[in-house]
């Protein structure tokens, strides 16, 4: 039996991490959560996710800085960005760099599900 894909969630807000993790688990995916970009980077190369869901604005490292570091290291898995402060410039920058989706907080559950399934090539576990 094939192991379910792992979705990583990076957000400095514990409530957001918890609610997203519950949603992702309910779909049958494995989940790992991180409170910051540096926390994720310490673990990412040992446990590369099938998809990353990341906040954009975080204190230690922004989501687009995390994306740039991953790309510089040759890691190019799908990233779904969330933000409470959407701007056209950040949206354009992360999408041009290959982000799967750019969503405003709080995200609609159906939209997150659609983005995850698109990121995983349409593979749905539910």
PDB file of N, CA and C in Angstrom:
ATOM      1  N   UNK A   1       0.834  -1.179   0.000  1.00  0.00           N
ATOM      2  CA  UNK A   1       0.000   0.000   0.000  1.00  0.00           C
ATOM      3  C   UNK A   1       0.882   1.246   0.000  1.00  0.00           C
ATOM      4  N   UNK A   2       0.569   2.192  -0.849  1.00  0.00           N
ATOM      5  CA  UNK A   2       1.338   3.421  -0.954  1.00  0.00           C
ATOM      6  C   UNK A   2       0.988   4.373   0.180  1.00  0.00           C
ATOM      7  N   UNK A   3       2.012   4.989   0.738  1.00  0.00           N
ATOM      8  CA  UNK A   3       1.801   5.948   1.823  1.00  0.00           C
ATOM      9  C   UNK A   3       1.192   7.231   1.252  1.00  0.00           C
ATOM     10  N   UNK A   4       0.261   7.822   1.983  1.00  0.00           N
ATOM     11  CA  UNK A   4      -0.392   9.054   1.552  1.00  0.00           C
ATOM     12  C   UNK A   4       0.641  10.172   1.463  1.00  0.00           C
ATOM     13  N   UNK A   5       0.486  11.081   0.491  1.00  0.00           N
ATOM     14  CA  UNK A   5       1.406  12.213   0.385  1.00  0.00           C
ATOM     15  C   UNK A   5       1.405  13.046   1.664  1.00  0.00           C
ATOM     16  N   UNK A   6       2.561  13.648   1.951  1.00  0.00           N
ATOM     17  CA  UNK A   6       2.697  14.508   3.121  1.00  0.00           C
ATOM     18  C   UNK A   6       2.581  15.967   2.695  1.00  0.00           C
ATOM     19  N   UNK A   7       1.740  16.694   3.412  1.00  0.00           N
ATOM     20  CA  UNK A   7       1.552  18.124   3.192  1.00  0.00           C
ATOM     21  C   UNK A   7       2.178  18.842   4.378  1.00  0.00           C
ATOM     22  N   UNK A   8       3.077  19.783   4.115  1.00  0.00           N
ATOM     23  CA  UNK A   8       3.691  20.588   5.170  1.00  0.00           C
ATOM     24  C   UNK A   8       2.958  21.919   5.270  1.00  0.00           C
ATOM     25  N   UNK A   9       2.778  22.377   6.489  1.00  0.00           N
ATOM     26  CA  UNK A   9       2.102  23.650   6.741  1.00  0.00           C
ATOM     27  C   UNK A   9       3.040  24.529   7.555  1.00  0.00           C
ATOM     28  N   UNK A  10       3.327  25.740   7.047  1.00  0.00           N
ATOM     29  CA  UNK A  10       4.187  26.692   7.738  1.00  0.00           C
ATOM     30  C   UNK A  10       3.392  27.959   7.986  1.00  0.00           C
ATOM     31  N   UNK A  11       3.170  28.249   9.258  1.00  0.00           N
ATOM     32  CA  UNK A  11       2.448  29.479   9.633  1.00  0.00           C
ATOM     33  C   UNK A  11       2.808  29.795  11.068  1.00  0.00           C
ATOM     34  N   UNK A  12       3.034  31.065  11.362  1.00  0.00           N
ATOM     35  CA  UNK A  12       3.388  31.454  12.721  1.00  0.00           C
ATOM     36  C   UNK A  12       2.173  31.485  13.652  1.00  0.00           C
ATOM     37  N   UNK A  13       0.972  31.348  13.120  1.00  0.00           N
ATOM     38  CA  UNK A  13      -0.257  31.351  13.913  1.00  0.00           C
ATOM     39  C   UNK A  13      -0.670  29.907  14.191  1.00  0.00           C
ATOM     40  N   UNK A  14      -0.592  29.512  15.460  1.00  0.00           N
ATOM     41  CA  UNK A  14      -0.887  28.129  15.825  1.00  0.00           C
ATOM     42  C   UNK A  14      -2.315  27.719  15.466  1.00  0.00           C
ATOM     43  N   UNK A  15      -3.275  28.642  15.606  1.00  0.00           N
ATOM     44  CA  UNK A  15      -4.668  28.322  15.278  1.00  0.00           C
ATOM     45  C   UNK A  15      -4.823  28.019  13.791  1.00  0.00           C
ATOM     46  N   UNK A  16      -4.133  28.760  12.949  1.00  0.00           N
ATOM     47  CA  UNK A  16      -4.180  28.511  11.507  1.00  0.00           C
ATOM     48  C   UNK A  16      -3.550  27.156  11.200  1.00  0.00           C
ATOM     49  N   UNK A  17      -2.387  26.890  11.788  1.00  0.00           N
ATOM     50  CA  UNK A  17      -1.731  25.587  11.568  1.00  0.00           C
ATOM     51  C   UNK A  17      -2.653  24.449  11.965  1.00  0.00           C
ATOM     52  N   UNK A  18      -3.272  24.576  13.117  1.00  0.00           N
ATOM     53  CA  UNK A  18      -4.138  23.516  13.627  1.00  0.00           C
ATOM     54  C   UNK A  18      -5.359  23.287  12.735  1.00  0.00           C
ATOM     55  N   UNK A  19      -6.018  24.370  12.319  1.00  0.00           N
ATOM     56  CA  UNK A  19      -7.220  24.200  11.487  1.00  0.00           C
ATOM     57  C   UNK A  19      -6.871  23.651  10.111  1.00  0.00           C
ATOM     58  N   UNK A  20      -5.778  24.131   9.518  1.00  0.00           N
ATOM     59  CA  UNK A  20      -5.364  23.592   8.219  1.00  0.00           C
ATOM     60  C   UNK A  20      -4.957  22.126   8.340  1.00  0.00           C
ATOM     61  N   UNK A  21      -4.243  21.793   9.416  1.00  0.00           N
ATOM     62  CA  UNK A  21      -3.822  20.403   9.608  1.00  0.00           C
ATOM     63  C   UNK A  21      -5.039  19.487   9.737  1.00  0.00           C
ATOM     64  N   UNK A  22      -6.057  19.934  10.451  1.00  0.00           N
ATOM     65  CA  UNK A  22      -7.277  19.127  10.589  1.00  0.00           C
ATOM     66  C   UNK A  22      -7.947  18.906   9.240  1.00  0.00           C
ATOM     67  N   UNK A  23      -8.028  19.963   8.441  1.00  0.00           N
ATOM     68  CA  UNK A  23      -8.632  19.852   7.113  1.00  0.00           C
ATOM     69  C   UNK A  23      -7.841  18.876   6.245  1.00  0.00           C
ATOM     70  N   UNK A  24      -6.533  19.028   6.218  1.00  0.00           N
ATOM     71  CA  UNK A  24      -5.688  18.182   5.369  1.00  0.00           C
ATOM     72  C   UNK A  24      -5.759  16.720   5.819  1.00  0.00           C
ATOM     73  N   UNK A  25      -5.721  16.491   7.125  1.00  0.00           N
ATOM     74  CA  UNK A  25      -5.839  15.111   7.630  1.00  0.00           C
ATOM     75  C   UNK A  25      -7.179  14.500   7.263  1.00  0.00           C
ATOM     76  N   UNK A  26      -8.242  15.316   7.303  1.00  0.00           N
ATOM     77  CA  UNK A  26      -9.580  14.796   6.973  1.00  0.00           C
ATOM     78  C   UNK A  26      -9.659  14.323   5.527  1.00  0.00           C
ATOM     79  N   UNK A  27      -8.746  14.797   4.694  1.00  0.00           N
ATOM     80  CA  UNK A  27      -8.700  14.379   3.293  1.00  0.00           C
ATOM     81  C   UNK A  27      -7.858  13.112   3.095  1.00  0.00           C
ATOM     82  N   UNK A  28      -7.216  12.657   4.172  1.00  0.00           N
ATOM     83  CA  UNK A  28      -6.428  11.434   4.102  1.00  0.00           C
ATOM     84  C   UNK A  28      -4.943  11.643   3.894  1.00  0.00           C
ATOM     85  N   UNK A  29      -4.481  12.891   3.870  1.00  0.00           N
ATOM     86  CA  UNK A  29      -3.055  13.182   3.706  1.00  0.00           C
ATOM     87  C   UNK A  29      -2.348  13.173   5.047  1.00  0.00           C
ATOM     88  N   UNK A  30      -1.059  12.929   5.016  1.00  0.00           N
ATOM     89  CA  UNK A  30      -0.227  13.097   6.205  1.00  0.00           C
ATOM     90  C   UNK A  30       0.114  14.583   6.317  1.00  0.00           C
ATOM     91  N   UNK A  31       0.373  15.051   7.535  1.00  0.00           N
ATOM     92  CA  UNK A  31       0.622  16.475   7.769  1.00  0.00           C
ATOM     93  C   UNK A  31       1.793  16.658   8.716  1.00  0.00           C
ATOM     94  N   UNK A  32       2.609  17.662   8.431  1.00  0.00           N
ATOM     95  CA  UNK A  32       3.637  18.141   9.368  1.00  0.00           C
ATOM     96  C   UNK A  32       3.469  19.646   9.437  1.00  0.00           C
ATOM     97  N   UNK A  33       3.520  20.203  10.643  1.00  0.00           N
ATOM     98  CA  UNK A  33       3.342  21.639  10.807  1.00  0.00           C
ATOM     99  C   UNK A  33       4.602  22.274  11.388  1.00  0.00           C
ATOM    100  N   UNK A  34       4.810  23.534  11.024  1.00  0.00           N
ATOM    101  CA  UNK A  34       5.986  24.291  11.442  1.00  0.00           C
ATOM    102  C   UNK A  34       5.564  25.719  11.748  1.00  0.00           C
ATOM    103  N   UNK A  35       6.173  26.315  12.782  1.00  0.00           N
ATOM    104  CA  UNK A  35       5.845  27.674  13.179  1.00  0.00           C
ATOM    105  C   UNK A  35       6.627  28.744  12.456  1.00  0.00           C
ATOM    106  N   UNK A  36       7.608  28.331  11.631  1.00  0.00           N
ATOM    107  CA  UNK A  36       8.406  29.322  10.903  1.00  0.00           C
ATOM    108  C   UNK A  36       9.109  28.667   9.720  1.00  0.00           C
ATOM    109  N   UNK A  37       9.571  29.515   8.797  1.00  0.00           N
ATOM    110  CA  UNK A  37      10.349  29.032   7.664  1.00  0.00           C
ATOM    111  C   UNK A  37      11.624  28.327   8.095  1.00  0.00           C
ATOM    112  N   UNK A  38      12.398  28.912   9.026  1.00  0.00           N
ATOM    113  CA  UNK A  38      13.608  28.223   9.478  1.00  0.00           C
ATOM    114  C   UNK A  38      13.317  26.848  10.095  1.00  0.00           C
ATOM    115  N   UNK A  39      12.219  26.724  10.854  1.00  0.00           N
ATOM    116  CA  UNK A  39      11.852  25.410  11.404  1.00  0.00           C
ATOM    117  C   UNK A  39      11.613  24.411  10.276  1.00  0.00           C
ATOM    118  N   UNK A  40      10.909  24.838   9.244  1.00  0.00           N
ATOM    119  CA  UNK A  40      10.643  23.959   8.104  1.00  0.00           C
ATOM    120  C   UNK A  40      11.948  23.569   7.403  1.00  0.00           C
ATOM    121  N   UNK A  41      12.825  24.544   7.175  1.00  0.00           N
ATOM    122  CA  UNK A  41      14.073  24.260   6.464  1.00  0.00           C
ATOM    123  C   UNK A  41      14.944  23.258   7.213  1.00  0.00           C
ATOM    124  N   UNK A  42      14.896  23.264   8.537  1.00  0.00           N
ATOM    125  CA  UNK A  42      15.689  22.298   9.312  1.00  0.00           C
ATOM    126  C   UNK A  42      15.226  20.865   9.061  1.00  0.00           C
ATOM    127  N   UNK A  43      13.987  20.698   8.656  1.00  0.00           N
ATOM    128  CA  UNK A  43      13.387  19.376   8.488  1.00  0.00           C
ATOM    129  C   UNK A  43      13.140  19.010   7.024  1.00  0.00           C
ATOM    130  N   UNK A  44      13.081  20.005   6.146  1.00  0.00           N
ATOM    131  CA  UNK A  44      12.595  19.811   4.771  1.00  0.00           C
ATOM    132  C   UNK A  44      13.414  18.831   3.944  1.00  0.00           C
ATOM    133  N   UNK A  45      14.695  18.769   4.171  1.00  0.00           N
ATOM    134  CA  UNK A  45      15.513  17.945   3.304  1.00  0.00           C
ATOM    135  C   UNK A  45      15.503  16.478   3.738  1.00  0.00           C
ATOM    136  N   UNK A  46      15.090  16.233   4.967  1.00  0.00           N
ATOM    137  CA  UNK A  46      14.922  14.856   5.426  1.00  0.00           C
ATOM    138  C   UNK A  46      13.524  14.334   5.122  1.00  0.00           C
ATOM    139  N   UNK A  47      12.553  15.251   5.096  1.00  0.00           N
ATOM    140  CA  UNK A  47      11.148  14.878   4.916  1.00  0.00           C
ATOM    141  C   UNK A  47      10.501  15.788   3.892  1.00  0.00           C
ATOM    142  N   UNK A  48      10.946  15.720   2.678  1.00  0.00           N
ATOM    143  CA  UNK A  48      10.407  16.616   1.652  1.00  0.00           C
ATOM    144  C   UNK A  48       8.923  16.352   1.434  1.00  0.00           C
ATOM    145  N   UNK A  49       8.122  17.407   1.504  1.00  0.00           N
ATOM    146  CA  UNK A  49       6.680  17.230   1.339  1.00  0.00           C
ATOM    147  C   UNK A  49       6.280  17.098  -0.127  1.00  0.00           C
ATOM    148  N   UNK A  50       5.088  16.577  -0.335  1.00  0.00           N
ATOM    149  CA  UNK A  50       4.509  16.558  -1.680  1.00  0.00           C
ATOM    150  C   UNK A  50       4.003  17.954  -2.037  1.00  0.00           C
ATOM    151  N   UNK A  51       3.671  18.740  -0.998  1.00  0.00           N
ATOM    152  CA  UNK A  51       3.136  20.084  -1.181  1.00  0.00           C
ATOM    153  C   UNK A  51       3.370  20.872   0.104  1.00  0.00           C
ATOM    154  N   UNK A  52       3.581  22.159  -0.036  1.00  0.00           N
ATOM    155  CA  UNK A  52       3.782  23.054   1.095  1.00  0.00           C
ATOM    156  C   UNK A  52       2.687  24.106   1.090  1.00  0.00           C
ATOM    157  N   UNK A  53       2.071  24.340   2.247  1.00  0.00           N
ATOM    158  CA  UNK A  53       1.139  25.440   2.436  1.00  0.00           C
ATOM    159  C   UNK A  53       1.829  26.404   3.386  1.00  0.00           C
ATOM    160  N   UNK A  54       2.044  27.650   2.943  1.00  0.00           N
ATOM    161  CA  UNK A  54       2.812  28.589   3.753  1.00  0.00           C
ATOM    162  C   UNK A  54       2.150  29.952   3.826  1.00  0.00           C
ATOM    163  N   UNK A  55       2.213  30.537   5.011  1.00  0.00           N
ATOM    164  CA  UNK A  55       1.840  31.937   5.181  1.00  0.00           C
ATOM    165  C   UNK A  55       2.872  32.773   4.435  1.00  0.00           C
ATOM    166  N   UNK A  56       2.487  33.962   4.018  1.00  0.00           N
ATOM    167  CA  UNK A  56       3.424  34.870   3.365  1.00  0.00           C
ATOM    168  C   UNK A  56       4.160  35.703   4.404  1.00  0.00           C
ATOM    169  N   UNK A  57       3.407  36.327   5.311  1.00  0.00           N
ATOM    170  CA  UNK A  57       4.017  37.248   6.267  1.00  0.00           C
ATOM    171  C   UNK A  57       4.240  36.566   7.608  1.00  0.00           C
ATOM    172  N   UNK A  58       5.516  36.259   7.866  1.00  0.00           N
ATOM    173  CA  UNK A  58       5.919  35.657   9.129  1.00  0.00           C
ATOM    174  C   UNK A  58       7.155  36.402   9.610  1.00  0.00           C
ATOM    175  N   UNK A  59       7.379  36.453  10.917  1.00  0.00           N
ATOM    176  CA  UNK A  59       8.469  37.272  11.440  1.00  0.00           C
ATOM    177  C   UNK A  59       9.882  36.783  11.128  1.00  0.00           C
ATOM    178  N   UNK A  60      10.155  35.502  11.223  1.00  0.00           N
ATOM    179  CA  UNK A  60      11.528  35.016  11.058  1.00  0.00           C
ATOM    180  C   UNK A  60      11.972  34.986   9.596  1.00  0.00           C
ATOM    181  N   UNK A  61      11.048  34.668   8.704  1.00  0.00           N
ATOM    182  CA  UNK A  61      11.339  34.545   7.274  1.00  0.00           C
ATOM    183  C   UNK A  61      10.003  34.593   6.555  1.00  0.00           C
ATOM    184  N   UNK A  62       9.879  35.441   5.556  1.00  0.00           N
ATOM    185  CA  UNK A  62       8.615  35.507   4.826  1.00  0.00           C
ATOM    186  C   UNK A  62       8.443  34.264   3.967  1.00  0.00           C
ATOM    187  N   UNK A  63       7.225  34.021   3.553  1.00  0.00           N
ATOM    188  CA  UNK A  63       6.961  32.878   2.700  1.00  0.00           C
ATOM    189  C   UNK A  63       7.687  32.949   1.371  1.00  0.00           C
ATOM    190  N   UNK A  64       7.770  34.163   0.805  1.00  0.00           N
ATOM    191  CA  UNK A  64       8.485  34.253  -0.478  1.00  0.00           C
ATOM    192  C   UNK A  64       9.991  34.113  -0.290  1.00  0.00           C
ATOM    193  N   UNK A  65      10.531  34.473   0.872  1.00  0.00           N
ATOM    194  CA  UNK A  65      11.948  34.195   1.158  1.00  0.00           C
ATOM    195  C   UNK A  65      12.161  32.684   1.293  1.00  0.00           C
ATOM    196  N   UNK A  66      11.224  32.008   1.934  1.00  0.00           N
ATOM    197  CA  UNK A  66      11.295  30.550   2.049  1.00  0.00           C
ATOM    198  C   UNK A  66      11.270  29.913   0.668  1.00  0.00           C
ATOM    199  N   UNK A  67      10.372  30.379  -0.192  1.00  0.00           N
ATOM    200  CA  UNK A  67      10.292  29.866  -1.562  1.00  0.00           C
ATOM    201  C   UNK A  67      11.626  30.056  -2.284  1.00  0.00           C
ATOM    202  N   UNK A  68      12.227  31.231  -2.156  1.00  0.00           N
ATOM    203  CA  UNK A  68      13.507  31.510  -2.820  1.00  0.00           C
ATOM    204  C   UNK A  68      14.616  30.595  -2.300  1.00  0.00           C
ATOM    205  N   UNK A  69      14.646  30.356  -0.997  1.00  0.00           N
ATOM    206  CA  UNK A  69      15.674  29.468  -0.435  1.00  0.00           C
ATOM    207  C   UNK A  69      15.493  28.040  -0.920  1.00  0.00           C
ATOM    208  N   UNK A  70      14.259  27.594  -0.984  1.00  0.00           N
ATOM    209  CA  UNK A  70      14.003  26.245  -1.486  1.00  0.00           C
ATOM    210  C   UNK A  70      14.431  26.115  -2.942  1.00  0.00           C
ATOM    211  N   UNK A  71      14.096  27.108  -3.748  1.00  0.00           N
ATOM    212  CA  UNK A  71      14.487  27.070  -5.162  1.00  0.00           C
ATOM    213  C   UNK A  71      16.001  27.094  -5.314  1.00  0.00           C
ATOM    214  N   UNK A  72      16.681  27.916  -4.505  1.00  0.00           N
ATOM    215  CA  UNK A  72      18.152  27.986  -4.571  1.00  0.00           C
ATOM    216  C   UNK A  72      18.781  26.640  -4.221  1.00  0.00           C
ATOM    217  N   UNK A  73      18.107  25.858  -3.381  1.00  0.00           N
ATOM    218  CA  UNK A  73      18.597  24.532  -2.997  1.00  0.00           C
ATOM    219  C   UNK A  73      18.124  23.433  -3.949  1.00  0.00           C
ATOM    220  N   UNK A  74      17.406  23.825  -5.011  1.00  0.00           N
ATOM    221  CA  UNK A  74      16.940  22.849  -5.989  1.00  0.00           C
ATOM    222  C   UNK A  74      15.675  22.120  -5.591  1.00  0.00           C
ATOM    223  N   UNK A  75      14.969  22.605  -4.589  1.00  0.00           N
ATOM    224  CA  UNK A  75      13.726  21.983  -4.120  1.00  0.00           C
ATOM    225  C   UNK A  75      12.551  22.695  -4.765  1.00  0.00           C
ATOM    226  N   UNK A  76      11.808  21.978  -5.593  1.00  0.00           N
ATOM    227  CA  UNK A  76      10.732  22.607  -6.358  1.00  0.00           C
ATOM    228  C   UNK A  76       9.429  21.830  -6.248  1.00  0.00           C
ATOM    229  N   UNK A  77       8.911  21.689  -5.049  1.00  0.00           N
ATOM    230  CA  UNK A  77       7.602  21.073  -4.856  1.00  0.00           C
ATOM    231  C   UNK A  77       6.552  22.180  -4.850  1.00  0.00           C
ATOM    232  N   UNK A  78       5.295  21.851  -5.086  1.00  0.00           N
ATOM    233  CA  UNK A  78       4.244  22.873  -5.150  1.00  0.00           C
ATOM    234  C   UNK A  78       4.075  23.611  -3.814  1.00  0.00           C
ATOM    235  N   UNK A  79       3.856  24.925  -3.926  1.00  0.00           N
ATOM    236  CA  UNK A  79       3.626  25.756  -2.741  1.00  0.00           C
ATOM    237  C   UNK A  79       2.309  26.497  -2.908  1.00  0.00           C
ATOM    238  N   UNK A  80       1.498  26.435  -1.862  1.00  0.00           N
ATOM    239  CA  UNK A  80       0.249  27.191  -1.778  1.00  0.00           C
ATOM    240  C   UNK A  80       0.474  28.272  -0.738  1.00  0.00           C
ATOM    241  N   UNK A  81       0.324  29.525  -1.127  1.00  0.00           N
ATOM    242  CA  UNK A  81       0.536  30.635  -0.202  1.00  0.00           C
ATOM    243  C   UNK A  81      -0.782  31.165   0.332  1.00  0.00           C
ATOM    244  N   UNK A  82      -0.755  31.523   1.628  1.00  0.00           N
ATOM    245  CA  UNK A  82      -1.883  32.158   2.295  1.00  0.00           C
ATOM    246  C   UNK A  82      -1.401  33.488   2.872  1.00  0.00           C
ATOM    247  N   UNK A  83      -2.272  34.485   2.867  1.00  0.00           N
ATOM    248  CA  UNK A  83      -1.902  35.754   3.490  1.00  0.00           C
ATOM    249  C   UNK A  83      -3.135  36.522   3.937  1.00  0.00           C
ATOM    250  N   UNK A  84      -2.977  37.226   5.043  1.00  0.00           N
ATOM    251  CA  UNK A  84      -4.032  38.122   5.518  1.00  0.00           C
ATOM    252  C   UNK A  84      -3.873  39.503   4.881  1.00  0.00           C
ATOM    253  N   UNK A  85      -2.754  39.713   4.201  1.00  0.00           N
ATOM    254  CA  UNK A  85      -2.444  41.006   3.603  1.00  0.00           C
ATOM    255  C   UNK A  85      -2.062  40.842   2.134  1.00  0.00           C
ATOM    256  N   UNK A  86      -3.030  40.475   1.289  1.00  0.00           N
ATOM    257  CA  UNK A  86      -2.695  40.235  -0.122  1.00  0.00           C
ATOM    258  C   UNK A  86      -2.352  41.534  -0.849  1.00  0.00           C
ATOM    259  N   UNK A  87      -1.251  41.494  -1.569  1.00  0.00           N
ATOM    260  CA  UNK A  87      -0.885  42.618  -2.437  1.00  0.00           C
ATOM    261  C   UNK A  87      -0.584  42.062  -3.814  1.00  0.00           C
ATOM    262  N   UNK A  88      -0.827  42.877  -4.825  1.00  0.00           N
ATOM    263  CA  UNK A  88      -0.563  42.429  -6.194  1.00  0.00           C
ATOM    264  C   UNK A  88       0.911  42.129  -6.414  1.00  0.00           C
ATOM    265  N   UNK A  89       1.808  42.912  -5.794  1.00  0.00           N
ATOM    266  CA  UNK A  89       3.237  42.700  -6.022  1.00  0.00           C
ATOM    267  C   UNK A  89       3.706  41.355  -5.455  1.00  0.00           C
ATOM    268  N   UNK A  90       3.250  41.014  -4.254  1.00  0.00           N
ATOM    269  CA  UNK A  90       3.644  39.720  -3.677  1.00  0.00           C
ATOM    270  C   UNK A  90       2.985  38.587  -4.453  1.00  0.00           C
ATOM    271  N   UNK A  91       1.716  38.741  -4.780  1.00  0.00           N
ATOM    272  CA  UNK A  91       1.022  37.718  -5.573  1.00  0.00           C
ATOM    273  C   UNK A  91       1.785  37.443  -6.866  1.00  0.00           C
ATOM    274  N   UNK A  92       2.126  38.473  -7.580  1.00  0.00           N
ATOM    275  CA  UNK A  92       2.836  38.336  -8.848  1.00  0.00           C
ATOM    276  C   UNK A  92       4.199  37.668  -8.638  1.00  0.00           C
ATOM    277  N   UNK A  93       4.924  38.093  -7.589  1.00  0.00           N
ATOM    278  CA  UNK A  93       6.265  37.557  -7.337  1.00  0.00           C
ATOM    279  C   UNK A  93       6.220  36.051  -7.053  1.00  0.00           C
ATOM    280  N   UNK A  94       5.328  35.609  -6.163  1.00  0.00           N
ATOM    281  CA  UNK A  94       5.317  34.188  -5.803  1.00  0.00           C
ATOM    282  C   UNK A  94       4.747  33.320  -6.923  1.00  0.00           C
ATOM    283  N   UNK A  95       3.739  33.839  -7.632  1.00  0.00           N
ATOM    284  CA  UNK A  95       3.191  33.064  -8.752  1.00  0.00           C
ATOM    285  C   UNK A  95       4.193  32.979  -9.895  1.00  0.00           C
ATOM    286  N   UNK A  96       4.899  34.074 -10.175  1.00  0.00           N
ATOM    287  CA  UNK A  96       5.937  34.045 -11.215  1.00  0.00           C
ATOM    288  C   UNK A  96       7.064  33.080 -10.849  1.00  0.00           C
ATOM    289  N   UNK A  97       7.299  32.895  -9.550  1.00  0.00           N
ATOM    290  CA  UNK A  97       8.343  31.973  -9.090  1.00  0.00           C
ATOM    291  C   UNK A  97       7.830  30.533  -9.010  1.00  0.00           C
ATOM    292  N   UNK A  98       6.559  30.315  -9.389  1.00  0.00           N
ATOM    293  CA  UNK A  98       6.056  28.949  -9.484  1.00  0.00           C
ATOM    294  C   UNK A  98       5.065  28.510  -8.428  1.00  0.00           C
ATOM    295  N   UNK A  99       4.574  29.414  -7.586  1.00  0.00           N
ATOM    296  CA  UNK A  99       3.589  29.010  -6.580  1.00  0.00           C
ATOM    297  C   UNK A  99       2.350  28.430  -7.246  1.00  0.00           C
ATOM    298  N   UNK A 100       1.756  27.458  -6.603  1.00  0.00           N
ATOM    299  CA  UNK A 100       0.552  26.803  -7.107  1.00  0.00           C
ATOM    300  C   UNK A 100      -0.668  27.707  -6.967  1.00  0.00           C
ATOM    301  N   UNK A 101      -0.837  28.305  -5.778  1.00  0.00           N
ATOM    302  CA  UNK A 101      -1.990  29.163  -5.484  1.00  0.00           C
ATOM    303  C   UNK A 101      -1.566  30.283  -4.550  1.00  0.00           C
ATOM    304  N   UNK A 102      -2.305  31.369  -4.564  1.00  0.00           N
ATOM    305  CA  UNK A 102      -2.101  32.503  -3.663  1.00  0.00           C
ATOM    306  C   UNK A 102      -3.479  32.864  -3.131  1.00  0.00           C
ATOM    307  N   UNK A 103      -3.733  32.579  -1.850  1.00  0.00           N
ATOM    308  CA  UNK A 103      -5.059  32.729  -1.278  1.00  0.00           C
ATOM    309  C   UNK A 103      -5.062  33.709  -0.114  1.00  0.00           C
ATOM    310  N   UNK A 104      -6.171  34.409   0.044  1.00  0.00           N
ATOM    311  CA  UNK A 104      -6.350  35.311   1.181  1.00  0.00           C
ATOM    312  C   UNK A 104      -6.851  34.516   2.384  1.00  0.00           C
ATOM    313  N   UNK A 105      -6.440  34.950   3.572  1.00  0.00           N
ATOM    314  CA  UNK A 105      -6.931  34.363   4.815  1.00  0.00           C
ATOM    315  C   UNK A 105      -8.223  35.062   5.212  1.00  0.00           C
ATOM    316  N   UNK A 106      -9.137  34.359   5.809  1.00  0.00           N
ATOM    317  CA  UNK A 106      -9.122  32.904   5.978  1.00  0.00           C
ATOM    318  C   UNK A 106      -9.515  32.230   4.670  1.00  0.00           C
ATOM    319  N   UNK A 107      -8.822  31.164   4.329  1.00  0.00           N
ATOM    320  CA  UNK A 107      -9.129  30.499   3.061  1.00  0.00           C
ATOM    321  C   UNK A 107     -10.402  29.673   3.146  1.00  0.00           C
ATOM    322  N   UNK A 108     -11.078  29.582   2.047  1.00  0.00           N
ATOM    323  CA  UNK A 108     -12.250  28.719   1.923  1.00  0.00           C
ATOM    324  C   UNK A 108     -11.752  27.276   1.830  1.00  0.00           C
ATOM    325  N   UNK A 109     -12.362  26.379   2.606  1.00  0.00           N
ATOM    326  CA  UNK A 109     -11.933  24.984   2.619  1.00  0.00           C
ATOM    327  C   UNK A 109     -11.941  24.329   1.257  1.00  0.00           C
ATOM    328  N   UNK A 110     -12.993  24.580   0.472  1.00  0.00           N
ATOM    329  CA  UNK A 110     -13.070  23.985  -0.867  1.00  0.00           C
ATOM    330  C   UNK A 110     -11.943  24.475  -1.767  1.00  0.00           C
ATOM    331  N   UNK A 111     -11.565  25.740  -1.606  1.00  0.00           N
ATOM    332  CA  UNK A 111     -10.476  26.290  -2.426  1.00  0.00           C
ATOM    333  C   UNK A 111      -9.149  25.667  -2.044  1.00  0.00           C
ATOM    334  N   UNK A 112      -8.911  25.502  -0.756  1.00  0.00           N
ATOM    335  CA  UNK A 112      -7.675  24.837  -0.305  1.00  0.00           C
ATOM    336  C   UNK A 112      -7.629  23.414  -0.852  1.00  0.00           C
ATOM    337  N   UNK A 113      -8.734  22.701  -0.759  1.00  0.00           N
ATOM    338  CA  UNK A 113      -8.791  21.323  -1.264  1.00  0.00           C
ATOM    339  C   UNK A 113      -8.477  21.295  -2.757  1.00  0.00           C
ATOM    340  N   UNK A 114      -9.083  22.195  -3.518  1.00  0.00           N
ATOM    341  CA  UNK A 114      -8.823  22.261  -4.961  1.00  0.00           C
ATOM    342  C   UNK A 114      -7.350  22.532  -5.237  1.00  0.00           C
ATOM    343  N   UNK A 115      -6.754  23.479  -4.501  1.00  0.00           N
ATOM    344  CA  UNK A 115      -5.339  23.797  -4.707  1.00  0.00           C
ATOM    345  C   UNK A 115      -4.438  22.611  -4.386  1.00  0.00           C
ATOM    346  N   UNK A 116      -4.735  21.903  -3.290  1.00  0.00           N
ATOM    347  CA  UNK A 116      -3.928  20.724  -2.934  1.00  0.00           C
ATOM    348  C   UNK A 116      -4.041  19.662  -4.021  1.00  0.00           C
ATOM    349  N   UNK A 117      -5.251  19.393  -4.471  1.00  0.00           N
ATOM    350  CA  UNK A 117      -5.436  18.368  -5.499  1.00  0.00           C
ATOM    351  C   UNK A 117      -4.755  18.762  -6.806  1.00  0.00           C
ATOM    352  N   UNK A 118      -4.831  20.041  -7.180  1.00  0.00           N
ATOM    353  CA  UNK A 118      -4.109  20.499  -8.373  1.00  0.00           C
ATOM    354  C   UNK A 118      -2.603  20.352  -8.179  1.00  0.00           C
ATOM    355  N   UNK A 119      -2.111  20.688  -6.987  1.00  0.00           N
ATOM    356  CA  UNK A 119      -0.690  20.599  -6.699  1.00  0.00           C
ATOM    357  C   UNK A 119      -0.194  19.165  -6.800  1.00  0.00           C
ATOM    358  N   UNK A 120      -1.049  18.225  -6.434  1.00  0.00           N
ATOM    359  CA  UNK A 120      -0.678  16.809  -6.466  1.00  0.00           C
ATOM    360  C   UNK A 120      -1.084  16.138  -7.771  1.00  0.00           C
ATOM    361  N   UNK A 121      -1.335  16.936  -8.774  1.00  0.00           N
ATOM    362  CA  UNK A 121      -1.646  16.389 -10.087  1.00  0.00           C
ATOM    363  C   UNK A 121      -3.023  15.778 -10.203  1.00  0.00           C
ATOM    364  N   UNK A 122      -3.959  16.303  -9.407  1.00  0.00           N
ATOM    365  CA  UNK A 122      -5.331  15.813  -9.488  1.00  0.00           C
ATOM    366  C   UNK A 122      -5.597  14.569  -8.676  1.00  0.00           C
ATOM    367  N   UNK A 123      -4.575  14.083  -7.941  1.00  0.00           N
ATOM    368  CA  UNK A 123      -4.758  12.874  -7.124  1.00  0.00           C
ATOM    369  C   UNK A 123      -5.544  13.218  -5.864  1.00  0.00           C
ATOM    370  N   UNK A 124      -6.718  12.725  -5.750  1.00  0.00           N
ATOM    371  CA  UNK A 124      -7.550  12.942  -4.576  1.00  0.00           C
ATOM    372  C   UNK A 124      -7.616  11.667  -3.770  1.00  0.00           C
ATOM    373  N   UNK A 125      -7.562  11.797  -2.450  1.00  0.00           N
ATOM    374  CA  UNK A 125      -7.659  10.624  -1.585  1.00  0.00           C
ATOM    375  C   UNK A 125      -9.064  10.435  -1.045  1.00  0.00           C
ATOM    376  N   UNK A 126      -9.953  11.410  -1.299  1.00  0.00           N
ATOM    377  CA  UNK A 126     -11.311  11.284  -0.757  1.00  0.00           C
ATOM    378  C   UNK A 126     -12.315  11.004  -1.841  1.00  0.00           C
TER     379      UNK A 126
END
